[in-house]
Each structure stands twice: as C-alpha cells, then as structure tokens.
Amino acid sequence: MKTIGLLSGKGGVGKTTSAINITAGLTALGKQSILVDANVTTPNVGLHLGSASSEITLHHVLKGKNSIHEAVQRHSSGIYYIPGSLAVEDMEKLKLSNLKTMKDLKADFIIVDGAAGLGKEALTTLEHCDELLIVTNPELPAMTDALKTIRIAEELGRKIKGVIVTRARNDKHDISLRNIEAMLEKPVIAVIPEDASIREALSMKESIVYSHPNSDAARSYMKLSGILCGKEIEDIKLSWIDKFFKIFKKDPR
C-alpha cells in the first residue's frame, strides 16, 4: 500500500479536485483506493461528493470515538472516501496523530487531501504519507507558496513525487512549465487544463473522471493516475466508465 498526500501552499488551487479525481482515476484503473480528507479545519471532500453531513467522519477517528474502518464511505460512482466533519464542535480535542491509523486500511493507494498552507494539519499530512504531490496554479503567488511547502517537506525528509499544475490556460499569462520546474526544482508530472467540465462535475457531486471521461481535464487526470500506478493509459482497452462497474469485488475496509 502507498499513501500519497496532496499539499498546496495556498487554498483554491484545485487540490481537493485533484485528490478526488486521482482517486477516481486509480479506481478506474482497477486499483483499490481510498481518499482521506485530512483538511480537518475546512474539509471539502464530502461537499464535493454530496455528503455534507456524515454520521462518522475522520474527526470521530481523530477523537478516538470510531475506527478508521468505520469512517469509510462509498460514493455512487464507486470510489471510497473518508470525509471530514463540518460541525464546529467536532473541531475540539482532536488527536492528529491518530491519522497514522490510515495504514490499517486495506487498499493499494491511500490518497490524502491535506490542508492548504503550512500549519500543523499540513505538517501532519507530511508525516504520515509515503509520497507527496504539490498542487499549484501557473501563477506566481501560488508557486511561491508551493515552493515554501516543498522546502519544508524537504527539511522533514519527505519524498516529493512531483508537481501538478492546475487551471492551465496555455496563454501568455501562464508561467511556462520550464520556469515552473526551474523555480520549484521538481518535475511537473501533470498539467490539468482549465475546463468548464470541472465545474459541471462539482455541481453533479461527481469526479470529472466519472462524469466527463472524455474531457481534457479527465484525460489529464487519467494519465496522472496511470503514472502513479505505473500503468500506460494507451494500454487500457476498457472504457473508464465500464471499468467503474467492474471494480471493488473486495471491500477495502
């Protein structure tokens, strides 16, 4: 099992969207995958997937009230995830070290949506993940904060798999990929284009990989998922949608 954390120096760059679609992509490729919303202050995974209120969340696990297995939910599209709680009262008395129980889950991949910024929550994600993906936009403010995140991760000895560039427009206002790699000193392993289908998928409470599989953004996320699990997308014979209905013969909980 591999645990991959997604971090960003600032909010609003598409980190949660990326975490959801990587999980969906890995699922479509036949990999047992679970998404964990470790952004305990402002969790958004449940909102994205249509479960704003859940009986058992990661917060209950961090409080020691429930096991990590009890918090796993299944989305209608087939992906498994652990949401966070939106209730203010659930923010109290959290033991962030309980995040280590993610290792007890049975899956090929655990995808962790970490908190934005460089606070305690983000550092906890750093501590409990095998690899990190840094999410940024091709804009200087986002990249500056991403660089800070990279530096802290390196100081803590964490492995950074690469950078995901989201909301790319490929126009004169975007910082070039060459300059992004030069500034961050990390490889860009995925470029997700600006795509109206992402907003449509959000309104549908779905991943774009599931709702708009032929969109440019979905294809980019599928290619990234293939990179993460070592599977060439060109080798896939089944459609991604068909694949969703043939997976998870085993419950990863």
C-alpha atoms as a PDB file:
ATOM      1  CA  MET A   1       0.000   0.000   0.000  1.00  0.00           C
ATOM      2  CA  LYS A   2       1.200   3.505  -0.837  1.00  0.00           C
ATOM      3  CA  THR A   3      -0.008   6.661   0.876  1.00  0.00           C
ATOM      4  CA  ILE A   4       0.147   9.790  -1.294  1.00  0.00           C
ATOM      5  CA  GLY A   5      -0.541  13.218   0.158  1.00  0.00           C
ATOM      6  CA  LEU A   6      -1.634  16.254  -1.842  1.00  0.00           C
ATOM      7  CA  LEU A   7      -0.495  19.604  -0.491  1.00  0.00           C
ATOM      8  CA  SER A   8      -0.566  23.194  -1.665  1.00  0.00           C
ATOM      9  CA  GLY A   9       0.864  26.361  -0.252  1.00  0.00           C
ATOM     10  CA  LYS A  10      -2.472  28.141  -0.605  1.00  0.00           C
ATOM     11  CA  GLY A  11      -6.137  27.311  -0.974  1.00  0.00           C
ATOM     12  CA  GLY A  12      -8.185  27.464  -4.136  1.00  0.00           C
ATOM     13  CA  VAL A  13      -5.680  25.841  -6.477  1.00  0.00           C
ATOM     14  CA  GLY A  14      -7.650  22.640  -7.122  1.00  0.00           C
ATOM     15  CA  LYS A  15      -6.070  20.347  -4.542  1.00  0.00           C
ATOM     16  CA  THR A  16      -9.304  18.693  -3.432  1.00  0.00           C
ATOM     17  CA  THR A  17     -10.499  18.351  -7.028  1.00  0.00           C
ATOM     18  CA  SER A  18      -7.184  16.715  -7.872  1.00  0.00           C
ATOM     19  CA  ALA A  19      -7.353  14.362  -4.886  1.00  0.00           C
ATOM     20  CA  ILE A  20     -10.855  13.243  -5.842  1.00  0.00           C
ATOM     21  CA  ASN A  21     -10.004  12.689  -9.490  1.00  0.00           C
ATOM     22  CA  ILE A  22      -6.754  10.871  -8.772  1.00  0.00           C
ATOM     23  CA  THR A  23      -8.716   8.524  -6.518  1.00  0.00           C
ATOM     24  CA  ALA A  24     -11.336   8.085  -9.236  1.00  0.00           C
ATOM     25  CA  GLY A  25      -8.648   7.526 -11.853  1.00  0.00           C
ATOM     26  CA  LEU A  26      -6.839   4.895  -9.803  1.00  0.00           C
ATOM     27  CA  THR A  27     -10.179   3.238  -9.125  1.00  0.00           C
ATOM     28  CA  ALA A  28     -10.945   3.177 -12.853  1.00  0.00           C
ATOM     29  CA  LEU A  29      -7.581   1.509 -13.390  1.00  0.00           C
ATOM     30  CA  GLY A  30      -8.563  -1.280 -11.022  1.00  0.00           C
ATOM     31  CA  LYS A  31      -6.581  -0.104  -8.003  1.00  0.00           C
ATOM     32  CA  GLN A  32      -8.176  -0.312  -4.570  1.00  0.00           C
ATOM     33  CA  SER A  33      -8.036   3.314  -3.479  1.00  0.00           C
ATOM     34  CA  ILE A  34      -9.383   5.341  -0.574  1.00  0.00           C
ATOM     35  CA  LEU A  35      -9.472   9.125  -0.342  1.00  0.00           C
ATOM     36  CA  VAL A  36      -8.959  10.655   3.117  1.00  0.00           C
ATOM     37  CA  ASP A  37      -9.968  14.261   3.814  1.00  0.00           C
ATOM     38  CA  ALA A  38      -7.231  15.325   6.224  1.00  0.00           C
ATOM     39  CA  ASN A  39      -8.091  19.006   5.977  1.00  0.00           C
ATOM     40  CA  VAL A  40      -9.684  18.933   9.418  1.00  0.00           C
ATOM     41  CA  THR A  41     -10.334  22.678   9.718  1.00  0.00           C
ATOM     42  CA  THR A  42     -12.023  23.178   6.344  1.00  0.00           C
ATOM     43  CA  PRO A  43     -12.861  19.736   4.914  1.00  0.00           C
ATOM     44  CA  ASN A  44     -14.351  19.801   1.424  1.00  0.00           C
ATOM     45  CA  VAL A  45     -14.304  16.245   0.085  1.00  0.00           C
ATOM     46  CA  GLY A  46     -17.776  15.484   1.449  1.00  0.00           C
ATOM     47  CA  LEU A  47     -19.154  18.661  -0.103  1.00  0.00           C
ATOM     48  CA  HIS A  48     -17.639  17.754  -3.464  1.00  0.00           C
ATOM     49  CA  LEU A  49     -19.114  14.245  -3.330  1.00  0.00           C
ATOM     50  CA  GLY A  50     -22.561  15.050  -1.974  1.00  0.00           C
ATOM     51  CA  SER A  51     -22.206  14.013   1.672  1.00  0.00           C
ATOM     52  CA  ALA A  52     -22.010  17.296   3.565  1.00  0.00           C
ATOM     53  CA  SER A  53     -23.195  15.562   6.736  1.00  0.00           C
ATOM     54  CA  SER A  54     -21.903  12.114   7.695  1.00  0.00           C
ATOM     55  CA  GLU A  55     -22.535  10.075  10.826  1.00  0.00           C
ATOM     56  CA  ILE A  56     -18.890   9.010  11.133  1.00  0.00           C
ATOM     57  CA  THR A  57     -16.042  11.142   9.806  1.00  0.00           C
ATOM     58  CA  LEU A  58     -12.288  11.452  10.143  1.00  0.00           C
ATOM     59  CA  HIS A  59     -12.917  13.804  13.055  1.00  0.00           C
ATOM     60  CA  HIS A  60     -14.510  10.956  15.006  1.00  0.00           C
ATOM     61  CA  VAL A  61     -11.425   8.864  14.279  1.00  0.00           C
ATOM     62  CA  LEU A  62      -9.122  11.650  15.444  1.00  0.00           C
ATOM     63  CA  LYS A  63     -11.166  11.927  18.643  1.00  0.00           C
ATOM     64  CA  GLY A  64     -10.815   8.187  19.220  1.00  0.00           C
ATOM     65  CA  LYS A  65     -14.571   7.616  19.034  1.00  0.00           C
ATOM     66  CA  ASN A  66     -14.515   5.386  15.951  1.00  0.00           C
ATOM     67  CA  SER A  67     -12.063   3.284  13.997  1.00  0.00           C
ATOM     68  CA  ILE A  68     -10.718   4.392  10.643  1.00  0.00           C
ATOM     69  CA  HIS A  69     -12.574   1.493   9.007  1.00  0.00           C
ATOM     70  CA  GLU A  70     -15.930   2.726  10.309  1.00  0.00           C
ATOM     71  CA  ALA A  71     -15.426   6.105   8.650  1.00  0.00           C
ATOM     72  CA  VAL A  72     -15.058   4.768   5.094  1.00  0.00           C
ATOM     73  CA  GLN A  73     -17.911   5.631   2.736  1.00  0.00           C
ATOM     74  CA  ARG A  74     -18.659   4.560  -0.807  1.00  0.00           C
ATOM     75  CA  HIS A  75     -19.664   7.099  -3.422  1.00  0.00           C
ATOM     76  CA  SER A  76     -22.252   6.131  -6.030  1.00  0.00           C
ATOM     77  CA  SER A  77     -19.524   6.197  -8.704  1.00  0.00           C
ATOM     78  CA  GLY A  78     -17.566   3.506  -6.875  1.00  0.00           C
ATOM     79  CA  ILE A  79     -14.813   5.431  -5.106  1.00  0.00           C
ATOM     80  CA  TYR A  80     -14.209   5.034  -1.389  1.00  0.00           C
ATOM     81  CA  TYR A  81     -13.509   8.012   0.816  1.00  0.00           C
ATOM     82  CA  ILE A  82     -13.361   9.253   4.399  1.00  0.00           C
ATOM     83  CA  PRO A  83     -14.962  12.694   4.777  1.00  0.00           C
ATOM     84  CA  GLY A  84     -14.330  15.292   7.432  1.00  0.00           C
ATOM     85  CA  SER A  85     -16.937  16.862   9.688  1.00  0.00           C
ATOM     86  CA  LEU A  86     -18.249  20.368   9.089  1.00  0.00           C
ATOM     87  CA  ALA A  87     -19.562  20.696  12.657  1.00  0.00           C
ATOM     88  CA  VAL A  88     -17.694  23.276  14.719  1.00  0.00           C
ATOM     89  CA  GLU A  89     -17.985  21.161  17.865  1.00  0.00           C
ATOM     90  CA  ASP A  90     -16.098  18.339  16.158  1.00  0.00           C
ATOM     91  CA  MET A  91     -13.010  20.541  15.842  1.00  0.00           C
ATOM     92  CA  GLU A  92     -12.247  20.187  19.539  1.00  0.00           C
ATOM     93  CA  LYS A  93      -9.934  17.673  21.207  1.00  0.00           C
ATOM     94  CA  LEU A  94      -8.542  16.211  18.012  1.00  0.00           C
ATOM     95  CA  LYS A  95      -5.539  13.930  18.214  1.00  0.00           C
ATOM     96  CA  LEU A  96      -3.905  14.417  14.827  1.00  0.00           C
ATOM     97  CA  SER A  97      -1.500  11.550  15.462  1.00  0.00           C
ATOM     98  CA  ASN A  98      -4.469   9.184  15.004  1.00  0.00           C
ATOM     99  CA  LEU A  99      -4.090   9.878  11.295  1.00  0.00           C
ATOM    100  CA  LYS A 100      -1.490   7.119  11.384  1.00  0.00           C
ATOM    101  CA  THR A 101      -4.344   4.589  11.502  1.00  0.00           C
ATOM    102  CA  MET A 102      -4.726   5.160   7.745  1.00  0.00           C
ATOM    103  CA  LYS A 103      -2.062   2.470   7.484  1.00  0.00           C
ATOM    104  CA  ASP A 104      -4.636  -0.024   8.809  1.00  0.00           C
ATOM    105  CA  LEU A 105      -6.829   0.388   5.731  1.00  0.00           C
ATOM    106  CA  LYS A 106      -6.673  -2.299   3.073  1.00  0.00           C
ATOM    107  CA  ALA A 107      -6.013  -0.636  -0.260  1.00  0.00           C
ATOM    108  CA  ASP A 108      -3.441  -0.249  -2.984  1.00  0.00           C
ATOM    109  CA  PHE A 109      -3.456   3.533  -2.572  1.00  0.00           C
ATOM    110  CA  ILE A 110      -4.483   5.955   0.138  1.00  0.00           C
ATOM    111  CA  ILE A 111      -4.872   9.455  -1.295  1.00  0.00           C
ATOM    112  CA  VAL A 112      -4.738  12.154   1.373  1.00  0.00           C
ATOM    113  CA  ASP A 113      -6.213  15.590   0.766  1.00  0.00           C
ATOM    114  CA  GLY A 114      -4.096  17.667   3.131  1.00  0.00           C
ATOM    115  CA  ALA A 115      -4.745  21.129   4.479  1.00  0.00           C
ATOM    116  CA  ALA A 116      -3.635  24.130   2.474  1.00  0.00           C
ATOM    117  CA  GLY A 117      -0.860  26.232   3.903  1.00  0.00           C
ATOM    118  CA  LEU A 118       1.927  25.298   6.270  1.00  0.00           C
ATOM    119  CA  GLY A 119       0.119  24.785   9.576  1.00  0.00           C
ATOM    120  CA  LYS A 120       0.020  21.813  11.932  1.00  0.00           C
ATOM    121  CA  GLU A 121      -2.543  19.943   9.834  1.00  0.00           C
ATOM    122  CA  ALA A 122      -0.403  20.113   6.710  1.00  0.00           C
ATOM    123  CA  LEU A 123       2.668  19.026   8.652  1.00  0.00           C
ATOM    124  CA  THR A 124       0.744  16.019   9.989  1.00  0.00           C
ATOM    125  CA  THR A 125      -0.063  15.008   6.419  1.00  0.00           C
ATOM    126  CA  LEU A 126       3.634  15.300   5.593  1.00  0.00           C
ATOM    127  CA  GLU A 127       4.477  12.989   8.448  1.00  0.00           C
ATOM    128  CA  HIS A 128       2.084  10.183   7.564  1.00  0.00           C
ATOM    129  CA  CYS A 129       2.448   9.971   3.767  1.00  0.00           C
ATOM    130  CA  ASP A 130       4.950   7.957   1.740  1.00  0.00           C
ATOM    131  CA  GLU A 131       4.993  10.457  -1.119  1.00  0.00           C
ATOM    132  CA  LEU A 132       3.763  13.972  -1.748  1.00  0.00           C
ATOM    133  CA  LEU A 133       2.240  15.741  -4.727  1.00  0.00           C
ATOM    134  CA  ILE A 134       2.396  19.529  -4.751  1.00  0.00           C
ATOM    135  CA  VAL A 135      -0.572  21.252  -6.398  1.00  0.00           C
ATOM    136  CA  THR A 136      -0.216  24.742  -7.835  1.00  0.00           C
ATOM    137  CA  ASN A 137      -1.550  27.087 -10.489  1.00  0.00           C
ATOM    138  CA  PRO A 138       0.798  28.530 -13.128  1.00  0.00           C
ATOM    139  CA  GLU A 139       0.755  31.857 -11.301  1.00  0.00           C
ATOM    140  CA  LEU A 140       3.444  33.456  -9.148  1.00  0.00           C
ATOM    141  CA  PRO A 141       1.539  33.715  -5.812  1.00  0.00           C
ATOM    142  CA  ALA A 142       0.538  30.041  -5.889  1.00  0.00           C
ATOM    143  CA  MET A 143       4.006  28.951  -6.942  1.00  0.00           C
ATOM    144  CA  THR A 144       5.692  30.997  -4.234  1.00  0.00           C
ATOM    145  CA  ASP A 145       3.598  29.260  -1.580  1.00  0.00           C
ATOM    146  CA  ALA A 146       4.173  25.893  -3.247  1.00  0.00           C
ATOM    147  CA  LEU A 147       7.920  26.480  -3.020  1.00  0.00           C
ATOM    148  CA  LYS A 148       7.626  27.089   0.723  1.00  0.00           C
ATOM    149  CA  THR A 149       5.746  23.803   1.085  1.00  0.00           C
ATOM    150  CA  ILE A 150       8.418  21.974  -0.885  1.00  0.00           C
ATOM    151  CA  ARG A 151      11.203  23.413   1.244  1.00  0.00           C
ATOM    152  CA  ILE A 152       9.535  22.356   4.491  1.00  0.00           C
ATOM    153  CA  ALA A 153       8.829  18.882   3.123  1.00  0.00           C
ATOM    154  CA  GLU A 154      12.467  18.516   2.146  1.00  0.00           C
ATOM    155  CA  GLU A 155      13.625  19.681   5.564  1.00  0.00           C
ATOM    156  CA  LEU A 156      11.489  16.927   7.072  1.00  0.00           C
ATOM    157  CA  GLY A 157      12.945  14.367   4.695  1.00  0.00           C
ATOM    158  CA  ARG A 158       9.736  13.648   2.808  1.00  0.00           C
ATOM    159  CA  LYS A 159       9.691  12.358  -0.766  1.00  0.00           C
ATOM    160  CA  ILE A 160       8.070  14.640  -3.329  1.00  0.00           C
ATOM    161  CA  LYS A 161       6.810  12.745  -6.355  1.00  0.00           C
ATOM    162  CA  GLY A 162       6.226  15.856  -8.411  1.00  0.00           C
ATOM    163  CA  VAL A 163       4.076  18.879  -9.148  1.00  0.00           C
ATOM    164  CA  ILE A 164       0.528  19.060 -10.500  1.00  0.00           C
ATOM    165  CA  VAL A 165      -0.195  22.272 -12.395  1.00  0.00           C
ATOM    166  CA  THR A 166      -3.926  23.002 -12.444  1.00  0.00           C
ATOM    167  CA  ARG A 167      -6.113  25.522 -14.275  1.00  0.00           C
ATOM    168  CA  ALA A 168      -3.595  25.810 -17.089  1.00  0.00           C
ATOM    169  CA  ARG A 169      -4.753  28.037 -19.926  1.00  0.00           C
ATOM    170  CA  ASN A 170      -1.616  27.819 -22.045  1.00  0.00           C
ATOM    171  CA  ASP A 171      -1.651  31.521 -22.741  1.00  0.00           C
ATOM    172  CA  LYS A 172       0.862  34.324 -22.298  1.00  0.00           C
ATOM    173  CA  HIS A 173      -0.218  34.874 -18.699  1.00  0.00           C
ATOM    174  CA  ASP A 174       0.676  31.342 -17.550  1.00  0.00           C
ATOM    175  CA  ILE A 175       4.175  30.761 -16.238  1.00  0.00           C
ATOM    176  CA  SER A 176       5.812  28.247 -18.580  1.00  0.00           C
ATOM    177  CA  LEU A 177       6.389  24.667 -17.476  1.00  0.00           C
ATOM    178  CA  ARG A 178      10.120  25.161 -17.887  1.00  0.00           C
ATOM    179  CA  ASN A 179      10.061  28.102 -15.485  1.00  0.00           C
ATOM    180  CA  ILE A 180       7.800  26.259 -13.045  1.00  0.00           C
ATOM    181  CA  GLU A 181      10.229  23.354 -12.877  1.00  0.00           C
ATOM    182  CA  ALA A 182      13.178  25.723 -12.580  1.00  0.00           C
ATOM    183  CA  MET A 183      11.583  27.629  -9.723  1.00  0.00           C
ATOM    184  CA  LEU A 184      10.258  24.640  -7.770  1.00  0.00           C
ATOM    185  CA  GLU A 185      13.153  22.328  -8.672  1.00  0.00           C
ATOM    186  CA  LYS A 186      10.687  19.464  -9.058  1.00  0.00           C
ATOM    187  CA  PRO A 187       9.256  17.773 -12.150  1.00  0.00           C
ATOM    188  CA  VAL A 188       5.798  18.701 -13.359  1.00  0.00           C
ATOM    189  CA  ILE A 189       4.117  15.306 -13.718  1.00  0.00           C
ATOM    190  CA  ALA A 190       0.674  16.552 -14.745  1.00  0.00           C
ATOM    191  CA  VAL A 191      -0.880  19.627 -16.311  1.00  0.00           C
ATOM    192  CA  ILE A 192      -4.629  19.932 -15.805  1.00  0.00           C
ATOM    193  CA  PRO A 193      -6.175  22.386 -18.266  1.00  0.00           C
ATOM    194  CA  GLU A 194      -8.823  24.933 -17.377  1.00  0.00           C
ATOM    195  CA  ASP A 195     -12.003  23.024 -18.179  1.00  0.00           C
ATOM    196  CA  ALA A 196     -15.643  24.029 -17.703  1.00  0.00           C
ATOM    197  CA  SER A 197     -16.464  20.359 -17.153  1.00  0.00           C
ATOM    198  CA  ILE A 198     -14.799  20.543 -13.731  1.00  0.00           C
ATOM    199  CA  ARG A 199     -17.460  22.973 -12.512  1.00  0.00           C
ATOM    200  CA  GLU A 200     -20.167  20.829 -14.067  1.00  0.00           C
ATOM    201  CA  ALA A 201     -18.824  17.757 -12.280  1.00  0.00           C
ATOM    202  CA  LEU A 202     -18.782  19.639  -8.980  1.00  0.00           C
ATOM    203  CA  SER A 203     -22.427  20.635  -9.388  1.00  0.00           C
ATOM    204  CA  MET A 204     -23.215  16.973 -10.085  1.00  0.00           C
ATOM    205  CA  LYS A 205     -21.255  15.891  -6.962  1.00  0.00           C
ATOM    206  CA  GLU A 206     -19.090  13.661  -9.150  1.00  0.00           C
ATOM    207  CA  SER A 207     -15.473  13.353 -10.189  1.00  0.00           C
ATOM    208  CA  ILE A 208     -14.815  14.664 -13.679  1.00  0.00           C
ATOM    209  CA  VAL A 209     -13.182  11.328 -14.487  1.00  0.00           C
ATOM    210  CA  TYR A 210     -16.581   9.704 -13.941  1.00  0.00           C
ATOM    211  CA  SER A 211     -18.975  12.383 -15.216  1.00  0.00           C
ATOM    212  CA  HIS A 212     -16.989  13.704 -18.200  1.00  0.00           C
ATOM    213  CA  PRO A 213     -14.478  10.953 -19.060  1.00  0.00           C
ATOM    214  CA  ASN A 214     -13.673  12.366 -22.486  1.00  0.00           C
ATOM    215  CA  SER A 215     -12.972  15.913 -21.319  1.00  0.00           C
ATOM    216  CA  ASP A 216      -9.440  17.268 -21.479  1.00  0.00           C
ATOM    217  CA  ALA A 217      -9.198  17.513 -17.689  1.00  0.00           C
ATOM    218  CA  ALA A 218     -10.407  13.933 -17.179  1.00  0.00           C
ATOM    219  CA  ARG A 219      -7.887  12.626 -19.691  1.00  0.00           C
ATOM    220  CA  SER A 220      -5.131  14.513 -17.876  1.00  0.00           C
ATOM    221  CA  TYR A 221      -6.172  13.064 -14.522  1.00  0.00           C
ATOM    222  CA  MET A 222      -6.309   9.575 -16.012  1.00  0.00           C
ATOM    223  CA  LYS A 223      -2.809   9.990 -17.413  1.00  0.00           C
ATOM    224  CA  LEU A 224      -1.606  11.149 -13.992  1.00  0.00           C
ATOM    225  CA  SER A 225      -3.290   8.187 -12.305  1.00  0.00           C
ATOM    226  CA  GLY A 226      -1.536   5.902 -14.751  1.00  0.00           C
ATOM    227  CA  ILE A 227       1.806   7.466 -13.855  1.00  0.00           C
ATOM    228  CA  LEU A 228       1.159   6.927 -10.148  1.00  0.00           C
ATOM    229  CA  CYS A 229       0.369   3.239 -10.551  1.00  0.00           C
ATOM    230  CA  GLY A 230       2.815   2.536 -13.374  1.00  0.00           C
ATOM    231  CA  LYS A 231       0.170   1.801 -15.991  1.00  0.00           C
ATOM    232  CA  GLU A 232       0.299   3.194 -19.507  1.00  0.00           C
ATOM    233  CA  ILE A 233      -3.037   4.741 -20.427  1.00  0.00           C
ATOM    234  CA  GLU A 234      -2.605   3.617 -24.038  1.00  0.00           C
ATOM    235  CA  ASP A 235      -2.728   0.021 -22.832  1.00  0.00           C
ATOM    236  CA  ILE A 236      -6.219   0.336 -21.370  1.00  0.00           C
ATOM    237  CA  LYS A 237      -8.791  -1.457 -23.500  1.00  0.00           C
ATOM    238  CA  LEU A 238     -11.929  -0.995 -21.393  1.00  0.00           C
ATOM    239  CA  SER A 239     -13.627   2.383 -21.237  1.00  0.00           C
ATOM    240  CA  TRP A 240     -13.204   4.170 -17.940  1.00  0.00           C
ATOM    241  CA  ILE A 241     -16.927   4.100 -17.198  1.00  0.00           C
ATOM    242  CA  ASP A 242     -17.194   0.352 -17.808  1.00  0.00           C
ATOM    243  CA  LYS A 243     -14.224  -0.129 -15.535  1.00  0.00           C
ATOM    244  CA  PHE A 244     -16.005   1.583 -12.680  1.00  0.00           C
ATOM    245  CA  PHE A 245     -18.702  -1.079 -12.665  1.00  0.00           C
ATOM    246  CA  LYS A 246     -16.228  -3.960 -12.555  1.00  0.00           C
ATOM    247  CA  ILE A 247     -14.129  -2.907  -9.581  1.00  0.00           C
ATOM    248  CA  PHE A 248     -14.122  -3.354  -5.840  1.00  0.00           C
ATOM    249  CA  LYS A 249     -15.001  -7.005  -5.552  1.00  0.00           C
ATOM    250  CA  LYS A 250     -13.340  -6.686  -2.165  1.00  0.00           C
ATOM    251  CA  ASP A 251     -14.393  -4.094   0.391  1.00  0.00           C
ATOM    252  CA  PRO A 252     -11.231  -2.153   1.330  1.00  0.00           C
ATOM    253  CA  ARG A 253     -12.448  -1.625   4.863  1.00  0.00           C
END
